[in-house]
Every structure is written in structure tokens, then in C-alpha cells.
mmCIF file of all heavy atoms, coordinates in Angstrom:
data_MODEL
# 
_entry.id   MODEL 
# 
loop_
_atom_site.group_PDB 
_atom_site.id 
_atom_site.type_symbol 
_atom_site.label_atom_id 
_atom_site.label_alt_id 
_atom_site.label_comp_id 
_atom_site.label_asym_id 
_atom_site.label_entity_id 
_atom_site.label_seq_id 
_atom_site.pdbx_PDB_ins_code 
_atom_site.Cartn_x 
_atom_site.Cartn_y 
_atom_site.Cartn_z 
_atom_site.occupancy 
_atom_site.B_iso_or_equiv 
_atom_site.pdbx_formal_charge 
_atom_site.auth_seq_id 
_atom_site.auth_comp_id 
_atom_site.auth_asym_id 
_atom_site.auth_atom_id 
_atom_site.pdbx_PDB_model_num 
ATOM 1   N N   . ALA A 1 1  ? 33.175 144.851 29.805 1.00 0.00 ? 1  ALA A N   1 
ATOM 2   C CA  . ALA A 1 1  ? 32.947 143.408 29.894 1.00 0.00 ? 1  ALA A CA  1 
ATOM 3   C C   . ALA A 1 1  ? 32.565 142.841 28.541 1.00 0.00 ? 1  ALA A C   1 
ATOM 4   O O   . ALA A 1 1  ? 33.004 141.767 28.157 1.00 0.00 ? 1  ALA A O   1 
ATOM 5   C CB  . ALA A 1 1  ? 31.857 143.112 30.926 1.00 0.00 ? 1  ALA A CB  1 
ATOM 6   N N   . GLU A 1 2  ? 31.769 143.582 27.766 1.00 0.00 ? 2  GLU A N   1 
ATOM 7   C CA  . GLU A 1 2  ? 31.357 143.087 26.458 1.00 0.00 ? 2  GLU A CA  1 
ATOM 8   C C   . GLU A 1 2  ? 32.528 143.038 25.493 1.00 0.00 ? 2  GLU A C   1 
ATOM 9   O O   . GLU A 1 2  ? 32.663 142.123 24.705 1.00 0.00 ? 2  GLU A O   1 
ATOM 10  C CB  . GLU A 1 2  ? 30.267 144.004 25.899 1.00 0.00 ? 2  GLU A CB  1 
ATOM 11  C CG  . GLU A 1 2  ? 29.773 143.569 24.534 1.00 0.00 ? 2  GLU A CG  1 
ATOM 12  C CD  . GLU A 1 2  ? 28.724 144.500 24.004 1.00 0.00 ? 2  GLU A CD  1 
ATOM 13  O OE1 . GLU A 1 2  ? 28.345 145.426 24.754 1.00 0.00 ? 2  GLU A OE1 1 
ATOM 14  O OE2 . GLU A 1 2  ? 28.282 144.314 22.867 1.00 0.00 ? 2  GLU A OE2 1 
ATOM 15  N N   . GLY A 1 3  ? 33.432 144.043 25.582 1.00 0.00 ? 3  GLY A N   1 
ATOM 16  C CA  . GLY A 1 3  ? 34.533 144.120 24.633 1.00 0.00 ? 3  GLY A CA  1 
ATOM 17  C C   . GLY A 1 3  ? 35.623 143.114 24.900 1.00 0.00 ? 3  GLY A C   1 
ATOM 18  O O   . GLY A 1 3  ? 36.302 142.688 23.975 1.00 0.00 ? 3  GLY A O   1 
ATOM 19  N N   . TYR A 1 4  ? 35.833 142.699 26.173 1.00 0.00 ? 4  TYR A N   1 
ATOM 20  C CA  . TYR A 1 4  ? 36.967 141.828 26.468 1.00 0.00 ? 4  TYR A CA  1 
ATOM 21  C C   . TYR A 1 4  ? 36.583 140.504 27.108 1.00 0.00 ? 4  TYR A C   1 
ATOM 22  O O   . TYR A 1 4  ? 37.015 139.452 26.669 1.00 0.00 ? 4  TYR A O   1 
ATOM 23  C CB  . TYR A 1 4  ? 37.965 142.548 27.359 1.00 0.00 ? 4  TYR A CB  1 
ATOM 24  C CG  . TYR A 1 4  ? 38.738 143.550 26.578 1.00 0.00 ? 4  TYR A CG  1 
ATOM 25  C CD1 . TYR A 1 4  ? 38.330 144.863 26.538 1.00 0.00 ? 4  TYR A CD1 1 
ATOM 26  C CD2 . TYR A 1 4  ? 39.845 143.159 25.842 1.00 0.00 ? 4  TYR A CD2 1 
ATOM 27  C CE1 . TYR A 1 4  ? 39.023 145.772 25.782 1.00 0.00 ? 4  TYR A CE1 1 
ATOM 28  C CE2 . TYR A 1 4  ? 40.545 144.065 25.089 1.00 0.00 ? 4  TYR A CE2 1 
ATOM 29  C CZ  . TYR A 1 4  ? 40.130 145.373 25.061 1.00 0.00 ? 4  TYR A CZ  1 
ATOM 30  O OH  . TYR A 1 4  ? 40.807 146.276 24.316 1.00 0.00 ? 4  TYR A OH  1 
ATOM 31  N N   . ALA A 1 5  ? 35.772 140.582 28.164 1.00 0.00 ? 5  ALA A N   1 
ATOM 32  C CA  . ALA A 1 5  ? 35.446 139.327 28.837 1.00 0.00 ? 5  ALA A CA  1 
ATOM 33  C C   . ALA A 1 5  ? 34.722 138.379 27.886 1.00 0.00 ? 5  ALA A C   1 
ATOM 34  O O   . ALA A 1 5  ? 35.008 137.191 27.835 1.00 0.00 ? 5  ALA A O   1 
ATOM 35  C CB  . ALA A 1 5  ? 34.597 139.595 30.080 1.00 0.00 ? 5  ALA A CB  1 
ATOM 36  N N   . GLY A 1 6  ? 33.801 138.936 27.086 1.00 0.00 ? 6  GLY A N   1 
ATOM 37  C CA  . GLY A 1 6  ? 33.081 138.076 26.161 1.00 0.00 ? 6  GLY A CA  1 
ATOM 38  C C   . GLY A 1 6  ? 33.942 137.596 25.021 1.00 0.00 ? 6  GLY A C   1 
ATOM 39  O O   . GLY A 1 6  ? 33.780 136.496 24.527 1.00 0.00 ? 6  GLY A O   1 
ATOM 40  N N   . GLY A 1 7  ? 34.910 138.444 24.583 1.00 0.00 ? 7  GLY A N   1 
ATOM 41  C CA  . GLY A 1 7  ? 35.701 138.085 23.424 1.00 0.00 ? 7  GLY A CA  1 
ATOM 42  C C   . GLY A 1 7  ? 36.861 137.187 23.746 1.00 0.00 ? 7  GLY A C   1 
ATOM 43  O O   . GLY A 1 7  ? 37.329 136.433 22.891 1.00 0.00 ? 7  GLY A O   1 
ATOM 44  N N   . TYR A 1 8  ? 37.386 137.220 24.972 1.00 0.00 ? 8  TYR A N   1 
ATOM 45  C CA  . TYR A 1 8  ? 38.615 136.509 25.266 1.00 0.00 ? 8  TYR A CA  1 
ATOM 46  C C   . TYR A 1 8  ? 38.472 135.408 26.323 1.00 0.00 ? 8  TYR A C   1 
ATOM 47  O O   . TYR A 1 8  ? 39.353 134.589 26.476 1.00 0.00 ? 8  TYR A O   1 
ATOM 48  C CB  . TYR A 1 8  ? 39.677 137.489 25.747 1.00 0.00 ? 8  TYR A CB  1 
ATOM 49  C CG  . TYR A 1 8  ? 40.112 138.418 24.660 1.00 0.00 ? 8  TYR A CG  1 
ATOM 50  C CD1 . TYR A 1 8  ? 40.028 139.792 24.833 1.00 0.00 ? 8  TYR A CD1 1 
ATOM 51  C CD2 . TYR A 1 8  ? 40.591 137.930 23.456 1.00 0.00 ? 8  TYR A CD2 1 
ATOM 52  C CE1 . TYR A 1 8  ? 40.425 140.635 23.819 1.00 0.00 ? 8  TYR A CE1 1 
ATOM 53  C CE2 . TYR A 1 8  ? 41.006 138.779 22.459 1.00 0.00 ? 8  TYR A CE2 1 
ATOM 54  C CZ  . TYR A 1 8  ? 40.916 140.128 22.636 1.00 0.00 ? 8  TYR A CZ  1 
ATOM 55  O OH  . TYR A 1 8  ? 41.312 140.971 21.654 1.00 0.00 ? 8  TYR A OH  1 
ATOM 56  N N   . ALA A 1 9  ? 37.392 135.446 27.076 1.00 0.00 ? 9  ALA A N   1 
ATOM 57  C CA  . ALA A 1 9  ? 37.291 134.471 28.154 1.00 0.00 ? 9  ALA A CA  1 
ATOM 58  C C   . ALA A 1 9  ? 37.296 133.046 27.626 1.00 0.00 ? 9  ALA A C   1 
ATOM 59  O O   . ALA A 1 9  ? 37.747 132.125 28.304 1.00 0.00 ? 9  ALA A O   1 
ATOM 60  C CB  . ALA A 1 9  ? 36.017 134.716 28.971 1.00 0.00 ? 9  ALA A CB  1 
ATOM 61  N N   . GLY A 1 10 ? 36.835 132.860 26.397 1.00 0.00 ? 10 GLY A N   1 
ATOM 62  C CA  . GLY A 1 10 ? 36.808 131.508 25.863 1.00 0.00 ? 10 GLY A CA  1 
ATOM 63  C C   . GLY A 1 10 ? 38.183 130.926 25.657 1.00 0.00 ? 10 GLY A C   1 
ATOM 64  O O   . GLY A 1 10 ? 38.359 129.708 25.647 1.00 0.00 ? 10 GLY A O   1 
ATOM 65  N N   . GLY A 1 11 ? 39.211 131.789 25.497 1.00 0.00 ? 11 GLY A N   1 
ATOM 66  C CA  . GLY A 1 11 ? 40.549 131.266 25.286 1.00 0.00 ? 11 GLY A CA  1 
ATOM 67  C C   . GLY A 1 11 ? 41.331 131.097 26.559 1.00 0.00 ? 11 GLY A C   1 
ATOM 68  O O   . GLY A 1 11 ? 42.476 130.651 26.531 1.00 0.00 ? 11 GLY A O   1 
ATOM 69  N N   . HIS A 1 12 ? 40.769 131.440 27.710 1.00 0.00 ? 12 HIS A N   1 
ATOM 70  C CA  . HIS A 1 12 ? 41.503 131.381 28.977 1.00 0.00 ? 12 HIS A CA  1 
ATOM 71  C C   . HIS A 1 12 ? 41.399 129.995 29.590 1.00 0.00 ? 12 HIS A C   1 
ATOM 72  O O   . HIS A 1 12 ? 40.342 129.402 29.683 1.00 0.00 ? 12 HIS A O   1 
ATOM 73  C CB  . HIS A 1 12 ? 40.912 132.415 29.942 1.00 0.00 ? 12 HIS A CB  1 
ATOM 74  C CG  . HIS A 1 12 ? 41.487 132.308 31.318 1.00 0.00 ? 12 HIS A CG  1 
ATOM 75  N ND1 . HIS A 1 12 ? 42.836 132.362 31.556 1.00 0.00 ? 12 HIS A ND1 1 
ATOM 76  C CD2 . HIS A 1 12 ? 40.886 132.159 32.522 1.00 0.00 ? 12 HIS A CD2 1 
ATOM 77  C CE1 . HIS A 1 12 ? 43.051 132.243 32.862 1.00 0.00 ? 12 HIS A CE1 1 
ATOM 78  N NE2 . HIS A 1 12 ? 41.878 132.115 33.461 1.00 0.00 ? 12 HIS A NE2 1 
ATOM 79  N N   . THR A 1 13 ? 42.533 129.473 29.999 1.00 0.00 ? 13 THR A N   1 
ATOM 80  C CA  . THR A 1 13 ? 42.532 128.155 30.638 1.00 0.00 ? 13 THR A CA  1 
ATOM 81  C C   . THR A 1 13 ? 42.978 128.228 32.076 1.00 0.00 ? 13 THR A C   1 
ATOM 82  O O   . THR A 1 13 ? 43.222 127.215 32.716 1.00 0.00 ? 13 THR A O   1 
ATOM 83  C CB  . THR A 1 13 ? 43.476 127.211 29.879 1.00 0.00 ? 13 THR A CB  1 
ATOM 84  O OG1 . THR A 1 13 ? 44.794 127.770 29.861 1.00 0.00 ? 13 THR A OG1 1 
ATOM 85  C CG2 . THR A 1 13 ? 43.014 126.998 28.455 1.00 0.00 ? 13 THR A CG2 1 
ATOM 86  N N   . GLY A 1 14 ? 43.105 129.450 32.603 1.00 0.00 ? 14 GLY A N   1 
ATOM 87  C CA  . GLY A 1 14 ? 43.476 129.598 34.005 1.00 0.00 ? 14 GLY A CA  1 
ATOM 88  C C   . GLY A 1 14 ? 44.939 129.847 34.151 1.00 0.00 ? 14 GLY A C   1 
ATOM 89  O O   . GLY A 1 14 ? 45.748 129.646 33.275 1.00 0.00 ? 14 GLY A O   1 
ATOM 90  N N   . GLY A 1 15 ? 45.303 130.303 35.383 1.00 0.00 ? 15 GLY A N   1 
ATOM 91  C CA  . GLY A 1 15 ? 46.717 130.511 35.678 1.00 0.00 ? 15 GLY A CA  1 
ATOM 92  C C   . GLY A 1 15 ? 47.119 131.942 35.476 1.00 0.00 ? 15 GLY A C   1 
ATOM 93  O O   . GLY A 1 15 ? 46.435 132.747 34.860 1.00 0.00 ? 15 GLY A O   1 
ATOM 94  N N   . HIS A 1 16 ? 48.269 132.273 36.001 1.00 0.00 ? 16 HIS A N   1 
ATOM 95  C CA  . HIS A 1 16 ? 48.839 133.606 35.878 1.00 0.00 ? 16 HIS A CA  1 
ATOM 96  C C   . HIS A 1 16 ? 49.286 133.844 34.456 1.00 0.00 ? 16 HIS A C   1 
ATOM 97  O O   . HIS A 1 16 ? 49.670 132.923 33.755 1.00 0.00 ? 16 HIS A O   1 
ATOM 98  C CB  . HIS A 1 16 ? 50.033 133.744 36.844 1.00 0.00 ? 16 HIS A CB  1 
ATOM 99  C CG  . HIS A 1 16 ? 50.508 135.146 36.967 1.00 0.00 ? 16 HIS A CG  1 
ATOM 100 N ND1 . HIS A 1 16 ? 51.434 135.686 36.114 1.00 0.00 ? 16 HIS A ND1 1 
ATOM 101 C CD2 . HIS A 1 16 ? 50.193 136.122 37.840 1.00 0.00 ? 16 HIS A CD2 1 
ATOM 102 C CE1 . HIS A 1 16 ? 51.690 136.937 36.447 1.00 0.00 ? 16 HIS A CE1 1 
ATOM 103 N NE2 . HIS A 1 16 ? 50.940 137.219 37.491 1.00 0.00 ? 16 HIS A NE2 1 
ATOM 104 N N   . PRO A 1 17 ? 49.277 135.113 33.956 1.00 0.00 ? 17 PRO A N   1 
ATOM 105 C CA  . PRO A 1 17 ? 49.679 135.365 32.593 1.00 0.00 ? 17 PRO A CA  1 
ATOM 106 C C   . PRO A 1 17 ? 51.066 134.868 32.291 1.00 0.00 ? 17 PRO A C   1 
ATOM 107 O O   . PRO A 1 17 ? 51.372 134.527 31.163 1.00 0.00 ? 17 PRO A O   1 
ATOM 108 C CB  . PRO A 1 17 ? 49.587 136.896 32.480 1.00 0.00 ? 17 PRO A CB  1 
ATOM 109 C CG  . PRO A 1 17 ? 48.604 137.283 33.512 1.00 0.00 ? 17 PRO A CG  1 
ATOM 110 C CD  . PRO A 1 17 ? 48.732 136.299 34.615 1.00 0.00 ? 17 PRO A CD  1 
ATOM 111 N N   . GLY A 1 18 ? 51.943 134.885 33.260 1.00 0.00 ? 18 GLY A N   1 
ATOM 112 C CA  . GLY A 1 18 ? 53.297 134.442 32.995 1.00 0.00 ? 18 GLY A CA  1 
ATOM 113 C C   . GLY A 1 18 ? 53.365 132.996 32.605 1.00 0.00 ? 18 GLY A C   1 
ATOM 114 O O   . GLY A 1 18 ? 54.309 132.559 31.951 1.00 0.00 ? 18 GLY A O   1 
ATOM 115 N N   . GLY A 1 19 ? 52.375 132.206 32.979 1.00 0.00 ? 19 GLY A N   1 
ATOM 116 C CA  . GLY A 1 19 ? 52.418 130.802 32.651 1.00 0.00 ? 19 GLY A CA  1 
ATOM 117 C C   . GLY A 1 19 ? 51.482 130.407 31.540 1.00 0.00 ? 19 GLY A C   1 
ATOM 118 O O   . GLY A 1 19 ? 51.295 129.229 31.289 1.00 0.00 ? 19 GLY A O   1 
ATOM 119 N N   . SER A 1 20 ? 50.851 131.348 30.886 1.00 0.00 ? 20 SER A N   1 
ATOM 120 C CA  . SER A 1 20 ? 49.911 131.011 29.833 1.00 0.00 ? 20 SER A CA  1 
ATOM 121 C C   . SER A 1 20 ? 50.643 130.584 28.593 1.00 0.00 ? 20 SER A C   1 
ATOM 122 O O   . SER A 1 20 ? 51.650 131.119 28.221 1.00 0.00 ? 20 SER A O   1 
ATOM 123 C CB  . SER A 1 20 ? 49.008 132.210 29.531 1.00 0.00 ? 20 SER A CB  1 
ATOM 124 O OG  . SER A 1 20 ? 49.781 133.293 29.119 1.00 0.00 ? 20 SER A OG  1 
ATOM 125 N N   . GLY A 1 21 ? 50.098 129.616 27.921 1.00 0.00 ? 21 GLY A N   1 
ATOM 126 C CA  . GLY A 1 21 ? 50.730 129.113 26.718 1.00 0.00 ? 21 GLY A CA  1 
ATOM 127 C C   . GLY A 1 21 ? 50.287 129.855 25.508 1.00 0.00 ? 21 GLY A C   1 
ATOM 128 O O   . GLY A 1 21 ? 49.346 130.595 25.498 1.00 0.00 ? 21 GLY A O   1 
ATOM 129 N N   . GLY A 1 22 ? 50.985 129.638 24.392 1.00 0.00 ? 22 GLY A N   1 
ATOM 130 C CA  . GLY A 1 22 ? 50.652 130.302 23.145 1.00 0.00 ? 22 GLY A CA  1 
ATOM 131 C C   . GLY A 1 22 ? 50.261 129.333 22.063 1.00 0.00 ? 22 GLY A C   1 
ATOM 132 O O   . GLY A 1 22 ? 50.286 129.677 20.904 1.00 0.00 ? 22 GLY A O   1 
ATOM 133 N N   . ALA A 1 23 ? 49.936 128.116 22.383 1.00 0.00 ? 23 ALA A N   1 
ATOM 134 C CA  . ALA A 1 23 ? 49.616 127.120 21.366 1.00 0.00 ? 23 ALA A CA  1 
ATOM 135 C C   . ALA A 1 23 ? 48.143 127.148 21.048 1.00 0.00 ? 23 ALA A C   1 
ATOM 136 O O   . ALA A 1 23 ? 47.304 127.403 21.873 1.00 0.00 ? 23 ALA A O   1 
ATOM 137 C CB  . ALA A 1 23 ? 50.035 125.735 21.851 1.00 0.00 ? 23 ALA A CB  1 
ATOM 138 N N   . HIS A 1 24 ? 47.827 126.849 19.836 1.00 0.00 ? 24 HIS A N   1 
ATOM 139 C CA  . HIS A 1 24 ? 46.433 126.704 19.429 1.00 0.00 ? 24 HIS A CA  1 
ATOM 140 C C   . HIS A 1 24 ? 46.223 125.288 18.953 1.00 0.00 ? 24 HIS A C   1 
ATOM 141 O O   . HIS A 1 24 ? 47.057 124.424 19.064 1.00 0.00 ? 24 HIS A O   1 
ATOM 142 C CB  . HIS A 1 24 ? 46.073 127.717 18.344 1.00 0.00 ? 24 HIS A CB  1 
ATOM 143 C CG  . HIS A 1 24 ? 46.823 127.529 17.084 1.00 0.00 ? 24 HIS A CG  1 
ATOM 144 N ND1 . HIS A 1 24 ? 46.396 126.758 16.053 1.00 0.00 ? 24 HIS A ND1 1 
ATOM 145 C CD2 . HIS A 1 24 ? 48.018 127.985 16.686 1.00 0.00 ? 24 HIS A CD2 1 
ATOM 146 C CE1 . HIS A 1 24 ? 47.250 126.760 15.057 1.00 0.00 ? 24 HIS A CE1 1 
ATOM 147 N NE2 . HIS A 1 24 ? 48.249 127.511 15.421 1.00 0.00 ? 24 HIS A NE2 1 
ATOM 148 N N   . GLY A 1 25 ? 45.060 125.065 18.421 1.00 0.00 ? 25 GLY A N   1 
ATOM 149 C CA  . GLY A 1 25 ? 44.729 123.698 18.062 1.00 0.00 ? 25 GLY A CA  1 
ATOM 150 C C   . GLY A 1 25 ? 45.631 123.112 16.999 1.00 0.00 ? 25 GLY A C   1 
ATOM 151 O O   . GLY A 1 25 ? 45.792 121.900 16.905 1.00 0.00 ? 25 GLY A O   1 
ATOM 152 N N   . GLY A 1 26 ? 46.261 123.977 16.160 1.00 0.00 ? 26 GLY A N   1 
ATOM 153 C CA  . GLY A 1 26 ? 47.105 123.460 15.112 1.00 0.00 ? 26 GLY A CA  1 
ATOM 154 C C   . GLY A 1 26 ? 48.469 123.036 15.585 1.00 0.00 ? 26 GLY A C   1 
ATOM 155 O O   . GLY A 1 26 ? 49.208 122.382 14.866 1.00 0.00 ? 26 GLY A O   1 
# 
């Protein structure tokens, strides 16, 4: 949980992986 949930949960916006986007703020 420390290695992944803490490091990546902030970038998750919900939804199945197949529908996740690859855009960032730029």
C-alpha cells in the first residue's frame, strides 16, 4: 500500500483502466 496506493492514487480519476486518459496538465 505504501509503495503504490500512496504513490499513484493521486493520479487516479476513476474508471476502468481501459478508459483512463494519458493527458497531464500540460
